[in-house]
Protein backbone atom coordinates (compact mmCIF):
# COMPACT_ATOMS: atom_id res chain seq x y z
CA MET A 1 -58.79 93.63 282.84
CA ALA A 2 -55.38 94.58 284.20
CA THR A 3 -53.47 92.28 286.51
CA GLU A 4 -52.25 93.53 289.87
CA ARG A 5 -48.70 93.82 288.50
CA GLN A 6 -49.92 95.86 285.52
CA LYS A 7 -51.72 98.20 287.92
CA ARG A 8 -48.57 98.58 290.04
CA ILE A 9 -46.57 99.36 286.89
CA MET A 10 -49.11 101.98 285.80
CA ARG A 11 -48.94 103.61 289.24
CA ALA A 12 -45.13 103.43 289.21
CA VAL A 13 -44.95 105.19 285.84
CA THR A 14 -47.20 107.96 287.13
CA ALA A 15 -45.17 108.30 290.33
CA THR A 16 -41.74 108.01 288.71
CA ILE A 17 -42.14 110.11 285.55
CA PRO A 18 -45.45 111.96 285.85
CA ARG A 19 -44.92 114.30 282.88
CA ALA A 20 -43.59 111.73 280.39
CA PRO A 21 -45.21 111.98 276.96
CA PHE A 22 -47.86 109.34 276.38
CA ILE A 23 -45.91 107.50 273.67
CA ASP A 24 -42.86 107.20 275.92
CA ALA A 25 -44.91 106.20 278.94
CA GLU A 26 -46.63 103.45 276.94
CA ALA A 27 -43.29 102.08 275.69
CA ILE A 28 -41.94 102.15 279.25
CA ARG A 29 -45.01 100.34 280.59
CA GLU A 30 -44.66 97.68 277.93
CA ALA A 31 -40.95 97.16 278.65
CA ALA A 32 -41.59 97.04 282.42
CA ARG A 33 -44.21 94.32 281.88
CA SER A 34 -41.83 92.10 279.90
CA ARG A 35 -40.95 88.63 281.11
CA HIS A 36 -37.35 89.38 282.08
CA MET A 37 -38.54 92.17 284.41
CA ARG A 38 -40.90 90.00 286.48
CA SER A 39 -38.35 89.37 289.21
CA LEU A 40 -38.10 93.13 289.86
CA SER A 41 -40.47 95.35 291.76
CA ALA A 42 -42.73 97.47 289.57
CA GLU A 43 -40.76 100.56 290.59
CA ALA A 44 -37.39 99.04 289.64
CA ALA A 45 -38.75 97.73 286.35
CA VAL A 46 -40.19 101.15 285.46
CA TRP A 47 -36.94 102.93 286.38
CA LEU A 48 -34.81 100.62 284.21
CA ALA A 49 -37.28 100.82 281.34
CA ALA A 50 -37.47 104.62 281.59
CA VAL A 51 -33.69 105.05 281.54
CA ALA A 52 -33.36 102.67 278.60
CA ARG A 53 -36.14 104.42 276.67
CA ILE A 54 -34.60 107.82 277.22
CA ARG A 55 -31.12 106.57 276.36
CA HIS A 56 -32.22 105.16 273.00
CA GLU A 57 -34.90 107.64 271.98
CA HIS A 58 -33.74 110.95 273.43
CA THR A 59 -29.91 110.90 273.40
CA ASP A 60 -27.01 110.25 271.02
CA TYR A 61 -26.25 106.91 272.70
CA ASP A 62 -26.81 104.82 269.56
CA VAL A 63 -24.68 107.22 267.48
CA LEU A 64 -21.86 106.90 270.02
CA MET A 65 -22.12 103.12 269.89
CA ASP A 66 -22.06 103.22 266.08
CA ASP A 67 -18.97 105.45 266.29
CA GLY A 68 -17.13 102.75 268.24
CA TYR A 69 -17.54 103.80 271.84
CA ASP A 70 -17.98 100.93 274.27
CA LYS A 71 -21.24 100.64 276.19
CA ASP A 72 -19.90 102.08 279.44
CA ALA A 73 -18.32 105.11 277.78
CA ALA A 74 -21.43 105.82 275.70
CA ARG A 75 -23.63 105.54 278.80
CA PHE A 76 -21.36 107.91 280.70
CA PHE A 77 -21.44 110.52 277.93
CA VAL A 78 -25.25 110.59 277.73
CA ALA A 79 -25.93 110.58 281.49
CA ASP A 80 -26.48 114.36 281.63
CA ASP A 81 -28.87 114.19 278.67
CA ILE A 82 -30.81 111.40 280.39
CA ASN A 83 -31.05 113.46 283.57
CA ALA A 84 -32.29 116.46 281.60
CA VAL A 85 -35.13 114.38 280.17
CA LEU A 86 -35.89 112.92 283.60
CA ASP A 87 -36.11 116.48 284.93
CA ARG A 88 -38.52 117.49 282.12
CA TRP A 89 -40.62 114.42 282.87
CA GLY A 90 -40.88 115.35 286.57
CA ALA A 91 -38.72 112.54 287.95
CA LYS A 92 -37.55 112.97 291.51
CA ARG A 93 -34.67 110.56 290.96
CA ARG A 94 -31.67 111.12 288.69
CA LEU A 95 -29.32 108.72 286.98
CA ASP A 96 -25.91 108.39 288.64
CA PRO A 97 -23.40 107.58 285.86
CA ASN A 98 -21.12 105.94 288.43
CA GLU A 99 -23.81 103.57 289.68
CA ALA A 100 -23.47 100.16 288.04
CA GLY A 101 -26.97 98.84 288.69
CA ASP A 102 -28.01 95.38 287.54
CA ASP A 103 -26.16 95.21 284.22
CA GLU A 104 -27.69 91.94 283.02
CA ILE A 105 -31.26 93.17 283.42
CA ALA A 106 -30.38 96.65 282.16
CA ASP A 107 -28.82 95.14 279.05
CA SER A 108 -31.92 93.06 278.32
CA VAL A 109 -34.09 96.17 278.67
CA GLU A 110 -31.73 98.01 276.31
CA GLN A 111 -32.18 95.29 273.70
CA SER A 112 -35.93 95.74 273.71
CA PHE A 113 -35.48 99.41 272.72
CA GLU A 114 -32.77 98.68 270.16
CA GLU A 115 -35.08 96.50 268.07
């Protein structure tokens, strides 16, 4: 039986990225349910998890990091690729590469997709 938070996360995934492939949506749901995301709203947790998933699974971000780019530069260079995936997935929101966001939480989400 799903908790109320799990239900809100499921609804947020459907509302935020309605055409995401099942495997990506499941990984995003799992990341959004993680302990370090509990202080966030379901919508914020899903957004951060979706961006992190796309960054690591659908862009050259990890290659750029391996090539010596720092995190901010690598994130900037893949922002258009992330937005292209968000568009394909039916997202109404786009990533703004100039928006800092909550770096500490975003970094912990990133680590869950790097493992």
